[in-house]
Amino acid sequence: RESALDSLFGTVDRALEGLPGPPDYVTFSGNGEPTLHPDFPEMVERVTAVRDRLARGTRTAVLSNSARAADPEVRAALARLDARIMKLDCGTEATFRRYNRPAPGLSLEGITAGLTALAAEAPVTIQALFASGADGNLGDNETAAWVERLVRVRPAAVQLYSLDRGHPAADLRPASRSDLARVAEEAGR
């Protein structure tokens, strides 16, 4: 396992050395949740060290589904990054189960508690995907419950967006601009 990590960081080293100038960000993301990697805290440490050595002006970031924000070790690693863009799409447990289809053992309350603890340690940006339809997460009660969770988390910023490509449910449609504007208005109160 150590040689695989060494190989990965050798690749990061070479990539940064080969650029004409420092990138704006080195971001933990991809096809899957980055914080699920068993070595995520070490990866943050090592990427930050490479960044400090080769690209001082570059910021570090993560795009996360927030599933492991409640884990103290993961949360400490997240707090060491420059930017934390964390998902929170739902206000109620029932909608969370239907809309996000979480892995067993995950709860909306656990994610909210983890995000609240993380936001107390470092600024957090909440990113939320809204969709309409029977399988969506829009509706007056749902939006109000989501805003209540935002109040608890106290994020530094909120990003709202909707579907732009295929989606997994027939009863799911992109939120309209007016839907997103209404959610933004509710969140801004």
N, C-alpha and C. Protein backbone atom coordinates (compact mmCIF):
# COMPACT_ATOMS: atom_id res chain seq x y z
N ARG A 1 0.83 -1.19 0.00
CA ARG A 1 0.00 0.00 0.00
C ARG A 1 0.87 1.26 0.00
N GLU A 2 1.97 1.20 0.75
CA GLU A 2 2.86 2.37 0.80
C GLU A 2 3.43 2.68 -0.57
N SER A 3 3.81 1.67 -1.33
CA SER A 3 4.39 1.94 -2.65
C SER A 3 3.35 2.54 -3.60
N ALA A 4 2.07 2.16 -3.43
CA ALA A 4 1.01 2.75 -4.25
C ALA A 4 0.87 4.24 -3.93
N LEU A 5 0.93 4.60 -2.64
CA LEU A 5 0.86 6.02 -2.27
C LEU A 5 2.09 6.77 -2.76
N ASP A 6 3.26 6.16 -2.62
CA ASP A 6 4.48 6.80 -3.13
C ASP A 6 4.37 7.06 -4.62
N SER A 7 3.84 6.09 -5.36
CA SER A 7 3.66 6.25 -6.80
C SER A 7 2.69 7.39 -7.10
N LEU A 8 1.60 7.45 -6.35
CA LEU A 8 0.62 8.52 -6.53
C LEU A 8 1.27 9.88 -6.31
N PHE A 9 2.02 10.03 -5.24
CA PHE A 9 2.61 11.33 -4.94
C PHE A 9 3.75 11.66 -5.89
N GLY A 10 4.41 10.64 -6.44
CA GLY A 10 5.38 10.88 -7.50
C GLY A 10 4.70 11.47 -8.72
N THR A 11 3.50 10.97 -9.02
CA THR A 11 2.72 11.47 -10.15
C THR A 11 2.30 12.92 -9.90
N VAL A 12 1.85 13.23 -8.68
CA VAL A 12 1.47 14.61 -8.34
C VAL A 12 2.69 15.53 -8.47
N ASP A 13 3.82 15.05 -7.96
CA ASP A 13 5.08 15.81 -8.07
C ASP A 13 5.40 16.16 -9.52
N ARG A 14 5.40 15.12 -10.37
CA ARG A 14 5.74 15.32 -11.79
C ARG A 14 4.74 16.23 -12.48
N ALA A 15 3.45 16.09 -12.14
CA ALA A 15 2.42 16.93 -12.76
C ALA A 15 2.63 18.39 -12.41
N LEU A 16 2.91 18.68 -11.15
CA LEU A 16 3.12 20.08 -10.75
C LEU A 16 4.42 20.63 -11.34
N GLU A 17 5.45 19.80 -11.41
CA GLU A 17 6.72 20.26 -11.99
C GLU A 17 6.58 20.53 -13.47
N GLY A 18 5.68 19.81 -14.16
CA GLY A 18 5.53 19.96 -15.60
C GLY A 18 4.64 21.10 -16.05
N LEU A 19 3.99 21.76 -15.13
CA LEU A 19 3.11 22.87 -15.50
C LEU A 19 3.91 24.15 -15.75
N PRO A 20 3.42 25.00 -16.65
CA PRO A 20 4.13 26.27 -16.90
C PRO A 20 4.06 27.24 -15.72
N GLY A 21 3.09 27.06 -14.88
CA GLY A 21 2.92 27.89 -13.68
C GLY A 21 2.06 27.14 -12.70
N PRO A 22 1.94 27.65 -11.49
CA PRO A 22 1.14 26.92 -10.50
C PRO A 22 -0.35 26.96 -10.85
N PRO A 23 -1.06 25.85 -10.63
CA PRO A 23 -2.52 25.86 -10.85
C PRO A 23 -3.21 26.64 -9.74
N ASP A 24 -4.45 27.01 -9.97
CA ASP A 24 -5.22 27.69 -8.92
C ASP A 24 -5.51 26.74 -7.75
N TYR A 25 -5.86 25.50 -8.08
CA TYR A 25 -6.25 24.52 -7.07
C TYR A 25 -5.69 23.14 -7.38
N VAL A 26 -5.44 22.38 -6.33
CA VAL A 26 -5.30 20.93 -6.38
C VAL A 26 -6.51 20.44 -5.60
N THR A 27 -7.39 19.70 -6.29
CA THR A 27 -8.68 19.34 -5.70
C THR A 27 -8.82 17.83 -5.55
N PHE A 28 -9.24 17.41 -4.37
CA PHE A 28 -9.60 16.02 -4.12
C PHE A 28 -11.04 15.85 -4.59
N SER A 29 -11.23 15.02 -5.61
CA SER A 29 -12.56 14.78 -6.17
C SER A 29 -12.48 13.51 -6.99
N GLY A 30 -13.41 13.35 -7.90
CA GLY A 30 -13.31 12.24 -8.83
C GLY A 30 -14.56 11.41 -8.88
N ASN A 31 -14.41 10.23 -9.44
CA ASN A 31 -15.51 9.29 -9.58
C ASN A 31 -15.62 8.48 -8.29
N GLY A 32 -16.22 9.09 -7.29
CA GLY A 32 -16.31 8.47 -5.98
C GLY A 32 -16.04 9.52 -4.92
N GLU A 33 -16.21 9.14 -3.69
CA GLU A 33 -16.02 10.06 -2.57
C GLU A 33 -14.58 10.01 -2.08
N PRO A 34 -13.83 11.12 -2.18
CA PRO A 34 -12.41 11.09 -1.81
C PRO A 34 -12.15 10.75 -0.34
N THR A 35 -13.05 11.15 0.55
CA THR A 35 -12.80 10.89 1.97
C THR A 35 -12.99 9.43 2.35
N LEU A 36 -13.51 8.61 1.44
CA LEU A 36 -13.65 7.18 1.70
C LEU A 36 -12.32 6.44 1.58
N HIS A 37 -11.33 7.06 0.94
CA HIS A 37 -10.03 6.40 0.83
C HIS A 37 -9.48 6.22 2.24
N PRO A 38 -9.01 5.01 2.57
CA PRO A 38 -8.54 4.77 3.94
C PRO A 38 -7.35 5.64 4.35
N ASP A 39 -6.61 6.17 3.38
CA ASP A 39 -5.45 7.01 3.67
C ASP A 39 -5.71 8.48 3.41
N PHE A 40 -6.98 8.89 3.40
CA PHE A 40 -7.30 10.27 3.08
C PHE A 40 -6.53 11.27 3.94
N PRO A 41 -6.46 11.13 5.26
CA PRO A 41 -5.69 12.11 6.05
C PRO A 41 -4.21 12.19 5.63
N GLU A 42 -3.60 11.05 5.36
CA GLU A 42 -2.20 11.06 4.91
C GLU A 42 -2.09 11.69 3.53
N MET A 43 -3.05 11.42 2.68
CA MET A 43 -3.03 12.01 1.34
C MET A 43 -3.08 13.53 1.42
N VAL A 44 -3.92 14.06 2.30
CA VAL A 44 -4.00 15.52 2.47
C VAL A 44 -2.65 16.06 2.94
N GLU A 45 -2.05 15.39 3.91
CA GLU A 45 -0.74 15.82 4.41
C GLU A 45 0.29 15.85 3.30
N ARG A 46 0.35 14.78 2.53
CA ARG A 46 1.38 14.67 1.51
C ARG A 46 1.14 15.60 0.33
N VAL A 47 -0.10 15.75 -0.09
CA VAL A 47 -0.40 16.68 -1.19
C VAL A 47 -0.09 18.11 -0.75
N THR A 48 -0.42 18.43 0.49
CA THR A 48 -0.12 19.76 1.01
C THR A 48 1.39 20.01 1.04
N ALA A 49 2.16 18.99 1.41
CA ALA A 49 3.63 19.13 1.44
C ALA A 49 4.18 19.32 0.02
N VAL A 50 3.65 18.57 -0.95
CA VAL A 50 4.08 18.73 -2.34
C VAL A 50 3.72 20.13 -2.83
N ARG A 51 2.51 20.56 -2.52
CA ARG A 51 2.08 21.91 -2.90
C ARG A 51 2.99 22.97 -2.30
N ASP A 52 3.32 22.83 -1.02
CA ASP A 52 4.17 23.81 -0.36
C ASP A 52 5.56 23.87 -0.99
N ARG A 53 6.01 22.75 -1.49
CA ARG A 53 7.35 22.67 -2.09
C ARG A 53 7.36 23.18 -3.53
N LEU A 54 6.32 22.87 -4.30
CA LEU A 54 6.36 23.12 -5.75
C LEU A 54 5.40 24.21 -6.25
N ALA A 55 4.38 24.53 -5.49
CA ALA A 55 3.36 25.45 -6.01
C ALA A 55 2.73 26.23 -4.86
N ARG A 56 3.53 27.03 -4.20
CA ARG A 56 3.10 27.74 -2.99
C ARG A 56 1.78 28.50 -3.13
N GLY A 57 1.49 29.11 -4.24
CA GLY A 57 0.26 29.89 -4.40
C GLY A 57 -0.97 29.06 -4.68
N THR A 58 -0.80 27.77 -4.86
CA THR A 58 -1.92 26.89 -5.18
C THR A 58 -2.71 26.55 -3.93
N ARG A 59 -4.03 26.59 -4.05
CA ARG A 59 -4.89 26.23 -2.92
C ARG A 59 -5.29 24.76 -3.03
N THR A 60 -5.62 24.17 -1.91
CA THR A 60 -6.11 22.79 -1.89
C THR A 60 -7.60 22.82 -1.61
N ALA A 61 -8.33 21.87 -2.20
CA ALA A 61 -9.78 21.84 -2.04
C ALA A 61 -10.28 20.40 -2.07
N VAL A 62 -11.52 20.23 -1.66
CA VAL A 62 -12.19 18.94 -1.75
C VAL A 62 -13.62 19.17 -2.21
N LEU A 63 -14.10 18.27 -3.05
CA LEU A 63 -15.52 18.18 -3.41
C LEU A 63 -16.00 16.89 -2.76
N SER A 64 -16.87 17.00 -1.76
CA SER A 64 -17.24 15.84 -0.95
C SER A 64 -18.75 15.71 -0.81
N ASN A 65 -19.20 14.45 -0.67
CA ASN A 65 -20.62 14.22 -0.41
C ASN A 65 -20.95 14.32 1.07
N SER A 66 -19.96 14.63 1.89
CA SER A 66 -20.12 14.87 3.33
C SER A 66 -20.33 13.62 4.16
N ALA A 67 -20.27 12.44 3.55
CA ALA A 67 -20.57 11.20 4.26
C ALA A 67 -19.66 10.96 5.47
N ARG A 68 -18.42 11.43 5.41
CA ARG A 68 -17.48 11.15 6.51
C ARG A 68 -17.12 12.39 7.31
N ALA A 69 -17.90 13.44 7.19
CA ALA A 69 -17.61 14.68 7.93
C ALA A 69 -17.69 14.49 9.44
N ALA A 70 -18.42 13.48 9.89
CA ALA A 70 -18.54 13.24 11.33
C ALA A 70 -17.33 12.51 11.91
N ASP A 71 -16.49 11.92 11.08
CA ASP A 71 -15.30 11.20 11.54
C ASP A 71 -14.25 12.22 11.95
N PRO A 72 -13.80 12.24 13.21
CA PRO A 72 -12.86 13.27 13.66
C PRO A 72 -11.55 13.31 12.87
N GLU A 73 -11.02 12.15 12.48
CA GLU A 73 -9.77 12.12 11.73
C GLU A 73 -9.96 12.70 10.33
N VAL A 74 -11.04 12.34 9.68
CA VAL A 74 -11.35 12.89 8.35
C VAL A 74 -11.62 14.38 8.46
N ARG A 75 -12.38 14.76 9.48
CA ARG A 75 -12.70 16.19 9.67
C ARG A 75 -11.43 17.01 9.88
N ALA A 76 -10.47 16.48 10.63
CA ALA A 76 -9.20 17.20 10.83
C ALA A 76 -8.46 17.36 9.51
N ALA A 77 -8.49 16.33 8.68
CA ALA A 77 -7.84 16.42 7.36
C ALA A 77 -8.57 17.45 6.49
N LEU A 78 -9.89 17.42 6.51
CA LEU A 78 -10.67 18.41 5.74
C LEU A 78 -10.34 19.82 6.19
N ALA A 79 -10.19 20.02 7.48
CA ALA A 79 -9.90 21.36 8.01
C ALA A 79 -8.53 21.87 7.56
N ARG A 80 -7.61 20.97 7.22
CA ARG A 80 -6.28 21.38 6.75
C ARG A 80 -6.30 21.88 5.30
N LEU A 81 -7.36 21.59 4.57
CA LEU A 81 -7.46 22.05 3.19
C LEU A 81 -7.86 23.52 3.17
N ASP A 82 -7.62 24.17 2.04
CA ASP A 82 -7.98 25.59 1.91
C ASP A 82 -9.47 25.80 1.64
N ALA A 83 -10.10 24.85 0.93
CA ALA A 83 -11.52 24.99 0.58
C ALA A 83 -12.21 23.65 0.73
N ARG A 84 -13.38 23.68 1.38
CA ARG A 84 -14.17 22.49 1.61
C ARG A 84 -15.54 22.72 0.98
N ILE A 85 -15.83 22.02 -0.11
CA ILE A 85 -17.12 22.15 -0.79
C ILE A 85 -17.86 20.85 -0.50
N MET A 86 -18.86 20.97 0.37
CA MET A 86 -19.51 19.80 0.96
C MET A 86 -20.98 19.76 0.55
N LYS A 87 -21.49 18.57 0.25
CA LYS A 87 -22.88 18.41 -0.19
C LYS A 87 -23.84 18.35 0.98
N LEU A 88 -24.98 19.00 0.80
CA LEU A 88 -26.13 18.89 1.68
C LEU A 88 -27.34 19.25 0.83
N ASP A 89 -28.06 18.22 0.37
CA ASP A 89 -29.15 18.42 -0.60
C ASP A 89 -30.54 18.38 0.00
N CYS A 90 -30.70 17.84 1.20
CA CYS A 90 -32.03 17.55 1.71
C CYS A 90 -32.22 18.09 3.12
N GLY A 91 -33.47 18.26 3.47
CA GLY A 91 -33.80 18.74 4.80
C GLY A 91 -34.39 17.68 5.71
N THR A 92 -35.00 16.64 5.13
CA THR A 92 -35.62 15.59 5.94
C THR A 92 -34.98 14.24 5.63
N GLU A 93 -35.03 13.38 6.63
CA GLU A 93 -34.45 12.03 6.48
C GLU A 93 -35.13 11.25 5.36
N ALA A 94 -36.45 11.35 5.26
CA ALA A 94 -37.17 10.60 4.22
C ALA A 94 -36.72 11.03 2.82
N THR A 95 -36.60 12.32 2.61
CA THR A 95 -36.14 12.80 1.30
C THR A 95 -34.69 12.41 1.06
N PHE A 96 -33.86 12.51 2.09
CA PHE A 96 -32.46 12.10 1.99
C PHE A 96 -32.36 10.64 1.53
N ARG A 97 -33.15 9.76 2.11
CA ARG A 97 -33.13 8.33 1.75
C ARG A 97 -33.56 8.13 0.29
N ARG A 98 -34.61 8.82 -0.11
CA ARG A 98 -35.14 8.66 -1.47
C ARG A 98 -34.24 9.35 -2.51
N TYR A 99 -33.80 10.54 -2.20
CA TYR A 99 -33.09 11.39 -3.18
C TYR A 99 -31.60 11.04 -3.27
N ASN A 100 -30.94 10.91 -2.14
CA ASN A 100 -29.49 10.65 -2.14
C ASN A 100 -29.14 9.17 -2.13
N ARG A 101 -30.07 8.32 -1.73
CA ARG A 101 -29.84 6.87 -1.69
C ARG A 101 -28.53 6.54 -0.97
N PRO A 102 -28.43 6.91 0.30
CA PRO A 102 -27.16 6.74 1.01
C PRO A 102 -26.82 5.28 1.31
N ALA A 103 -25.56 5.04 1.56
CA ALA A 103 -25.09 3.72 1.99
C ALA A 103 -25.68 3.42 3.37
N PRO A 104 -25.82 2.15 3.69
CA PRO A 104 -26.32 1.80 5.03
C PRO A 104 -25.46 2.44 6.12
N GLY A 105 -26.12 2.88 7.17
CA GLY A 105 -25.42 3.48 8.30
C GLY A 105 -25.30 4.99 8.23
N LEU A 106 -25.54 5.58 7.06
CA LEU A 106 -25.48 7.04 6.94
C LEU A 106 -26.85 7.63 7.24
N SER A 107 -26.83 8.75 7.94
CA SER A 107 -28.08 9.45 8.23
C SER A 107 -27.88 10.93 7.94
N LEU A 108 -28.96 11.59 7.62
CA LEU A 108 -28.91 13.02 7.38
C LEU A 108 -28.51 13.75 8.66
N GLU A 109 -28.98 13.28 9.79
CA GLU A 109 -28.62 13.91 11.06
C GLU A 109 -27.13 13.76 11.33
N GLY A 110 -26.55 12.59 11.04
CA GLY A 110 -25.11 12.39 11.23
C GLY A 110 -24.29 13.30 10.33
N ILE A 111 -24.72 13.43 9.09
CA ILE A 111 -24.03 14.32 8.15
C ILE A 111 -24.14 15.77 8.61
N THR A 112 -25.33 16.18 9.05
CA THR A 112 -25.51 17.54 9.52
C THR A 112 -24.63 17.82 10.74
N ALA A 113 -24.56 16.88 11.67
CA ALA A 113 -23.71 17.04 12.85
C ALA A 113 -22.24 17.15 12.45
N GLY A 114 -21.81 16.31 11.50
CA GLY A 114 -20.42 16.37 11.02
C GLY A 114 -20.11 17.70 10.35
N LEU A 115 -21.03 18.18 9.52
CA LEU A 115 -20.83 19.47 8.84
C LEU A 115 -20.80 20.61 9.85
N THR A 116 -21.65 20.54 10.86
CA THR A 116 -21.68 21.57 11.89
C THR A 116 -20.35 21.62 12.63
N ALA A 117 -19.83 20.45 12.98
CA ALA A 117 -18.53 20.38 13.66
C ALA A 117 -17.41 20.89 12.75
N LEU A 118 -17.44 20.51 11.49
CA LEU A 118 -16.42 20.95 10.54
C LEU A 118 -16.47 22.47 10.36
N ALA A 119 -17.68 23.02 10.20
CA ALA A 119 -17.82 24.47 10.00
C ALA A 119 -17.36 25.26 11.21
N ALA A 120 -17.37 24.64 12.38
CA ALA A 120 -16.85 25.30 13.58
C ALA A 120 -15.33 25.36 13.57
N GLU A 121 -14.69 24.47 12.78
CA GLU A 121 -13.23 24.41 12.70
C GLU A 121 -12.67 25.17 11.51
N ALA A 122 -13.42 25.21 10.41
CA ALA A 122 -12.93 25.82 9.17
C ALA A 122 -14.13 26.19 8.30
N PRO A 123 -14.00 27.25 7.48
CA PRO A 123 -15.13 27.63 6.62
C PRO A 123 -15.54 26.51 5.67
N VAL A 124 -16.83 26.35 5.52
CA VAL A 124 -17.40 25.31 4.66
C VAL A 124 -18.30 25.97 3.63
N THR A 125 -18.22 25.50 2.40
CA THR A 125 -19.19 25.87 1.37
C THR A 125 -20.13 24.69 1.21
N ILE A 126 -21.42 24.93 1.33
CA ILE A 126 -22.41 23.88 1.10
C ILE A 126 -22.82 23.96 -0.36
N GLN A 127 -22.83 22.81 -1.00
CA GLN A 127 -23.27 22.70 -2.39
C GLN A 127 -24.52 21.83 -2.39
N ALA A 128 -25.59 22.29 -3.03
CA ALA A 128 -26.85 21.56 -3.03
C ALA A 128 -27.40 21.44 -4.45
N LEU A 129 -27.74 20.22 -4.81
CA LEU A 129 -28.36 19.91 -6.09
C LEU A 129 -29.87 19.80 -5.87
N PHE A 130 -30.62 20.68 -6.51
CA PHE A 130 -32.08 20.64 -6.39
C PHE A 130 -32.70 20.15 -7.68
N ALA A 131 -33.74 19.32 -7.54
CA ALA A 131 -34.47 18.80 -8.68
C ALA A 131 -35.95 18.76 -8.32
N SER A 132 -36.79 18.87 -9.33
CA SER A 132 -38.24 18.81 -9.11
C SER A 132 -38.75 17.44 -9.54
N GLY A 133 -40.04 17.23 -9.33
CA GLY A 133 -40.65 15.95 -9.66
C GLY A 133 -40.88 15.13 -8.40
N ALA A 134 -41.58 14.02 -8.55
CA ALA A 134 -41.94 13.18 -7.40
C ALA A 134 -40.71 12.66 -6.66
N ASP A 135 -39.61 12.43 -7.36
CA ASP A 135 -38.39 11.94 -6.71
C ASP A 135 -37.43 13.07 -6.34
N GLY A 136 -37.87 14.33 -6.53
CA GLY A 136 -37.01 15.48 -6.27
C GLY A 136 -36.96 15.87 -4.81
N ASN A 137 -36.27 16.97 -4.55
CA ASN A 137 -36.10 17.47 -3.19
C ASN A 137 -36.63 18.89 -3.01
N LEU A 138 -37.52 19.30 -3.91
CA LEU A 138 -38.14 20.63 -3.78
C LEU A 138 -39.51 20.51 -3.14
N GLY A 139 -39.92 21.52 -2.49
CA GLY A 139 -41.22 21.58 -1.82
C GLY A 139 -41.07 22.47 -0.61
N ASP A 140 -42.15 23.15 -0.25
CA ASP A 140 -42.07 24.13 0.83
C ASP A 140 -41.54 23.53 2.13
N ASN A 141 -42.08 22.39 2.56
CA ASN A 141 -41.62 21.78 3.82
C ASN A 141 -40.19 21.31 3.71
N GLU A 142 -39.83 20.72 2.59
CA GLU A 142 -38.47 20.21 2.41
C GLU A 142 -37.46 21.36 2.37
N THR A 143 -37.80 22.41 1.64
CA THR A 143 -36.90 23.57 1.57
C THR A 143 -36.73 24.21 2.93
N ALA A 144 -37.81 24.35 3.68
CA ALA A 144 -37.73 24.93 5.03
C ALA A 144 -36.85 24.07 5.94
N ALA A 145 -36.99 22.75 5.85
CA ALA A 145 -36.16 21.85 6.67
C ALA A 145 -34.69 21.94 6.25
N TRP A 146 -34.44 22.09 4.95
CA TRP A 146 -33.06 22.23 4.47
C TRP A 146 -32.46 23.53 5.01
N VAL A 147 -33.23 24.61 4.97
CA VAL A 147 -32.74 25.89 5.49
C VAL A 147 -32.45 25.77 6.98
N GLU A 148 -33.27 25.06 7.73
CA GLU A 148 -33.00 24.84 9.16
C GLU A 148 -31.66 24.15 9.36
N ARG A 149 -31.34 23.20 8.50
CA ARG A 149 -30.03 22.52 8.59
C ARG A 149 -28.90 23.49 8.25
N LEU A 150 -29.11 24.35 7.27
CA LEU A 150 -28.10 25.36 6.95
C LEU A 150 -27.83 26.27 8.16
N VAL A 151 -28.88 26.65 8.83
CA VAL A 151 -28.74 27.51 10.01
C VAL A 151 -27.88 26.81 11.05
N ARG A 152 -28.08 25.51 11.23
CA ARG A 152 -27.27 24.74 12.18
C ARG A 152 -25.82 24.66 11.75
N VAL A 153 -25.58 24.40 10.46
CA VAL A 153 -24.22 24.23 9.96
C VAL A 153 -23.46 25.56 9.94
N ARG A 154 -24.13 26.63 9.57
CA ARG A 154 -23.52 27.96 9.45
C ARG A 154 -22.38 27.98 8.41
N PRO A 155 -22.70 27.64 7.16
CA PRO A 155 -21.66 27.64 6.13
C PRO A 155 -21.21 29.06 5.78
N ALA A 156 -20.01 29.15 5.24
CA ALA A 156 -19.48 30.43 4.78
C ALA A 156 -20.14 30.83 3.46
N ALA A 157 -20.56 29.83 2.67
CA ALA A 157 -21.19 30.09 1.37
C ALA A 157 -22.08 28.90 1.02
N VAL A 158 -23.00 29.14 0.09
CA VAL A 158 -23.90 28.10 -0.40
C VAL A 158 -23.93 28.19 -1.92
N GLN A 159 -23.80 27.04 -2.57
CA GLN A 159 -23.89 26.95 -4.02
C GLN A 159 -25.11 26.10 -4.37
N LEU A 160 -26.01 26.64 -5.19
CA LEU A 160 -27.20 25.92 -5.62
C LEU A 160 -27.09 25.62 -7.11
N TYR A 161 -27.52 24.42 -7.48
CA TYR A 161 -27.52 24.08 -8.91
C TYR A 161 -28.57 23.00 -9.15
N SER A 162 -28.77 22.66 -10.42
CA SER A 162 -29.73 21.62 -10.76
C SER A 162 -29.13 20.68 -11.78
N LEU A 163 -29.93 19.74 -12.20
CA LEU A 163 -29.48 18.71 -13.15
C LEU A 163 -29.09 19.34 -14.49
N ASP A 164 -28.04 18.80 -15.08
CA ASP A 164 -27.62 19.29 -16.38
C ASP A 164 -27.40 18.13 -17.36
N ARG A 165 -27.49 16.92 -16.86
CA ARG A 165 -27.31 15.74 -17.72
C ARG A 165 -28.23 14.64 -17.19
N GLY A 166 -28.07 13.44 -17.65
CA GLY A 166 -28.94 12.34 -17.26
C GLY A 166 -29.09 12.20 -15.76
N HIS A 167 -30.18 11.56 -15.35
CA HIS A 167 -30.46 11.38 -13.94
C HIS A 167 -31.05 9.99 -13.73
N PRO A 168 -30.96 9.48 -12.51
CA PRO A 168 -31.31 8.08 -12.26
C PRO A 168 -32.78 7.77 -12.04
N ALA A 169 -33.66 8.74 -12.06
CA ALA A 169 -35.07 8.48 -11.76
C ALA A 169 -35.97 9.13 -12.81
N ALA A 170 -37.01 8.41 -13.18
CA ALA A 170 -37.94 8.92 -14.19
C ALA A 170 -38.72 10.12 -13.68
N ASP A 171 -38.98 10.16 -12.39
CA ASP A 171 -39.76 11.26 -11.80
C ASP A 171 -38.87 12.35 -11.22
N LEU A 172 -37.84 12.69 -11.97
CA LEU A 172 -36.89 13.70 -11.54
C LEU A 172 -36.63 14.62 -12.73
N ARG A 173 -36.72 15.94 -12.50
CA ARG A 173 -36.49 16.92 -13.56
C ARG A 173 -35.64 18.05 -13.02
N PRO A 174 -34.92 18.74 -13.90
CA PRO A 174 -34.14 19.90 -13.43
C PRO A 174 -35.05 20.93 -12.75
N ALA A 175 -34.54 21.52 -11.72
CA ALA A 175 -35.24 22.64 -11.07
C ALA A 175 -35.18 23.83 -12.02
N SER A 176 -36.24 24.61 -12.04
CA SER A 176 -36.26 25.80 -12.88
C SER A 176 -35.43 26.91 -12.22
N ARG A 177 -35.11 27.92 -13.00
CA ARG A 177 -34.41 29.09 -12.43
C ARG A 177 -35.22 29.72 -11.32
N SER A 178 -36.54 29.76 -11.50
CA SER A 178 -37.38 30.36 -10.46
C SER A 178 -37.39 29.50 -9.20
N ASP A 179 -37.34 28.16 -9.34
CA ASP A 179 -37.23 27.28 -8.17
C ASP A 179 -35.93 27.57 -7.41
N LEU A 180 -34.84 27.65 -8.15
CA LEU A 180 -33.54 27.92 -7.51
C LEU A 180 -33.52 29.31 -6.87
N ALA A 181 -34.15 30.27 -7.51
CA ALA A 181 -34.21 31.62 -6.94
C ALA A 181 -35.02 31.62 -5.64
N ARG A 182 -36.11 30.83 -5.60
CA ARG A 182 -36.92 30.74 -4.40
C ARG A 182 -36.12 30.09 -3.27
N VAL A 183 -35.38 29.02 -3.57
CA VAL A 183 -34.54 28.37 -2.55
C VAL A 183 -33.47 29.34 -2.05
N ALA A 184 -32.86 30.06 -2.97
CA ALA A 184 -31.82 31.04 -2.58
C ALA A 184 -32.42 32.12 -1.67
N GLU A 185 -33.61 32.55 -2.00
CA GLU A 185 -34.27 33.57 -1.17
C GLU A 185 -34.53 33.02 0.23
N GLU A 186 -35.04 31.79 0.30
CA GLU A 186 -35.31 31.16 1.61
C GLU A 186 -34.00 31.02 2.41
N ALA A 187 -32.94 30.62 1.74
CA ALA A 187 -31.65 30.41 2.42
C ALA A 187 -31.06 31.73 2.89
N GLY A 188 -31.37 32.82 2.19
CA GLY A 188 -30.82 34.12 2.53
C GLY A 188 -31.51 34.82 3.68
N ARG A 189 -32.61 34.29 4.14
CA ARG A 189 -33.36 34.95 5.24
C ARG A 189 -32.71 34.75 6.57
